[in-house]
Amino acid sequence: MINQSLRSEWKRFVCAHELGHDRLHRGYGYYFIEEQTLFCPGRFEREANRFAVEFLAYPDQVGPGESIRDFYLRNHIPMEIIDKT
């Protein structure tokens, strides 16, 4: 379920982020990772964020001289994610 009070770009991102967890971290739940493994949950979140960015922007790429901020804007990716991938 996605929180309906989120802005549309966030709804899109959350959906892609959760898809990233499904594809990259199948069988691992947050509490399992935190309590039963030596893995850092933050790493899994960054991986899911990167998956979401690449998924939402595919097949687009950063253009010559284009900033990451402009690339994210053009692809409707929340600015708050820039430092979290």
C-alpha atoms as a PDB file:
ATOM      1  CA  MET A   1       0.000   0.000   0.000  1.00  0.00           C
ATOM      2  CA  ILE A   2       1.206   3.484  -0.791  1.00  0.00           C
ATOM      3  CA  ASN A   3       0.247   6.456   1.329  1.00  0.00           C
ATOM      4  CA  GLN A   4      -2.251   8.421  -0.776  1.00  0.00           C
ATOM      5  CA  SER A   5      -1.280  11.708   0.892  1.00  0.00           C
ATOM      6  CA  LEU A   6       2.156  11.596  -0.769  1.00  0.00           C
ATOM      7  CA  ARG A   7       2.916  13.809  -3.764  1.00  0.00           C
ATOM      8  CA  SER A   8       2.639  11.931  -7.059  1.00  0.00           C
ATOM      9  CA  GLU A   9       6.418  11.847  -7.625  1.00  0.00           C
ATOM     10  CA  TRP A  10       6.806  10.230  -4.186  1.00  0.00           C
ATOM     11  CA  LYS A  11       4.093   7.650  -4.852  1.00  0.00           C
ATOM     12  CA  ARG A  12       5.914   6.660  -8.016  1.00  0.00           C
ATOM     13  CA  PHE A  13       9.255   6.534  -6.238  1.00  0.00           C
ATOM     14  CA  VAL A  14       7.952   4.499  -3.279  1.00  0.00           C
ATOM     15  CA  CYS A  15       6.462   1.947  -5.657  1.00  0.00           C
ATOM     16  CA  ALA A  16       9.769   1.615  -7.567  1.00  0.00           C
ATOM     17  CA  HIS A  17      11.739   1.497  -4.285  1.00  0.00           C
ATOM     18  CA  GLU A  18       9.616  -1.370  -2.960  1.00  0.00           C
ATOM     19  CA  LEU A  19       9.945  -3.167  -6.292  1.00  0.00           C
ATOM     20  CA  GLY A  20      13.710  -2.793  -5.819  1.00  0.00           C
ATOM     21  CA  HIS A  21      13.489  -4.515  -2.443  1.00  0.00           C
ATOM     22  CA  ASP A  22      11.467  -7.308  -4.013  1.00  0.00           C
ATOM     23  CA  ARG A  23      13.960  -7.839  -6.825  1.00  0.00           C
ATOM     24  CA  LEU A  24      17.188  -7.257  -4.856  1.00  0.00           C
ATOM     25  CA  HIS A  25      16.400  -8.426  -1.326  1.00  0.00           C
ATOM     26  CA  ARG A  26      13.889 -11.214  -1.734  1.00  0.00           C
ATOM     27  CA  GLY A  27      13.272 -12.988   1.553  1.00  0.00           C
ATOM     28  CA  TYR A  28      14.837 -10.288   3.714  1.00  0.00           C
ATOM     29  CA  GLY A  29      12.580  -8.185   5.891  1.00  0.00           C
ATOM     30  CA  TYR A  30      13.887  -5.103   7.675  1.00  0.00           C
ATOM     31  CA  TYR A  31      13.601  -6.664  11.132  1.00  0.00           C
ATOM     32  CA  PHE A  32      15.200  -9.915   9.986  1.00  0.00           C
ATOM     33  CA  ILE A  33      18.160  -7.970   8.609  1.00  0.00           C
ATOM     34  CA  GLU A  34      18.511  -5.817  11.710  1.00  0.00           C
ATOM     35  CA  GLU A  35      18.088  -8.607  14.286  1.00  0.00           C
ATOM     36  CA  GLN A  36      19.445 -11.748  12.594  1.00  0.00           C
ATOM     37  CA  THR A  37      22.265 -10.669  10.276  1.00  0.00           C
ATOM     38  CA  LEU A  38      25.342  -8.480  10.252  1.00  0.00           C
ATOM     39  CA  PHE A  39      24.019  -6.568   7.242  1.00  0.00           C
ATOM     40  CA  CYS A  40      23.372  -2.864   7.583  1.00  0.00           C
ATOM     41  CA  PRO A  41      19.712  -2.052   6.798  1.00  0.00           C
ATOM     42  CA  GLY A  42      20.880   1.306   5.414  1.00  0.00           C
ATOM     43  CA  ARG A  43      22.758  -0.467   2.639  1.00  0.00           C
ATOM     44  CA  PHE A  44      19.584  -2.232   1.520  1.00  0.00           C
ATOM     45  CA  GLU A  45      17.703   1.088   1.524  1.00  0.00           C
ATOM     46  CA  ARG A  46      20.389   2.760  -0.616  1.00  0.00           C
ATOM     47  CA  GLU A  47      20.335  -0.190  -3.039  1.00  0.00           C
ATOM     48  CA  ALA A  48      16.530   0.025  -3.326  1.00  0.00           C
ATOM     49  CA  ASN A  49      16.800   3.809  -3.869  1.00  0.00           C
ATOM     50  CA  ARG A  50      19.371   3.337  -6.641  1.00  0.00           C
ATOM     51  CA  PHE A  51      17.191   0.652  -8.243  1.00  0.00           C
ATOM     52  CA  ALA A  52      14.206   3.024  -8.144  1.00  0.00           C
ATOM     53  CA  VAL A  53      16.151   5.897  -9.731  1.00  0.00           C
ATOM     54  CA  GLU A  54      17.509   3.685 -12.507  1.00  0.00           C
ATOM     55  CA  PHE A  55      14.121   2.052 -13.068  1.00  0.00           C
ATOM     56  CA  LEU A  56      12.215   5.348 -13.230  1.00  0.00           C
ATOM     57  CA  ALA A  57      14.767   7.020 -15.487  1.00  0.00           C
ATOM     58  CA  TYR A  58      15.375   4.081 -17.844  1.00  0.00           C
ATOM     59  CA  PRO A  59      16.575   4.367 -20.595  1.00  0.00           C
ATOM     60  CA  ASP A  60      17.374   8.042 -19.996  1.00  0.00           C
ATOM     61  CA  GLN A  61      20.860   9.125 -18.931  1.00  0.00           C
ATOM     62  CA  VAL A  62      22.398  12.287 -17.554  1.00  0.00           C
ATOM     63  CA  GLY A  63      23.043  14.547 -20.517  1.00  0.00           C
ATOM     64  CA  PRO A  64      26.320  16.343 -21.239  1.00  0.00           C
ATOM     65  CA  GLY A  65      26.697  19.203 -18.775  1.00  0.00           C
ATOM     66  CA  GLU A  66      23.424  18.302 -17.044  1.00  0.00           C
ATOM     67  CA  SER A  67      23.340  18.319 -13.247  1.00  0.00           C
ATOM     68  CA  ILE A  68      21.962  15.396 -11.270  1.00  0.00           C
ATOM     69  CA  ARG A  69      19.323  17.793  -9.929  1.00  0.00           C
ATOM     70  CA  ASP A  70      18.140  18.602 -13.461  1.00  0.00           C
ATOM     71  CA  PHE A  71      18.195  14.914 -14.406  1.00  0.00           C
ATOM     72  CA  TYR A  72      16.024  14.067 -11.385  1.00  0.00           C
ATOM     73  CA  LEU A  73      13.618  16.920 -12.155  1.00  0.00           C
ATOM     74  CA  ARG A  74      13.305  15.817 -15.768  1.00  0.00           C
ATOM     75  CA  ASN A  75      12.539  12.251 -14.681  1.00  0.00           C
ATOM     76  CA  HIS A  76      10.148  13.232 -11.850  1.00  0.00           C
ATOM     77  CA  ILE A  77      12.358  11.758  -9.119  1.00  0.00           C
ATOM     78  CA  PRO A  78      12.112  13.419  -5.682  1.00  0.00           C
ATOM     79  CA  MET A  79      15.026  15.765  -4.970  1.00  0.00           C
ATOM     80  CA  GLU A  80      15.324  14.409  -1.433  1.00  0.00           C
ATOM     81  CA  ILE A  81      16.726  11.156  -2.854  1.00  0.00           C
ATOM     82  CA  ILE A  82      19.822  12.727  -4.422  1.00  0.00           C
ATOM     83  CA  ASP A  83      22.102  11.975  -1.452  1.00  0.00           C
ATOM     84  CA  LYS A  84      20.450   8.675  -0.581  1.00  0.00           C
ATOM     85  CA  THR A  85      21.534   6.438  -3.469  1.00  0.00           C
END
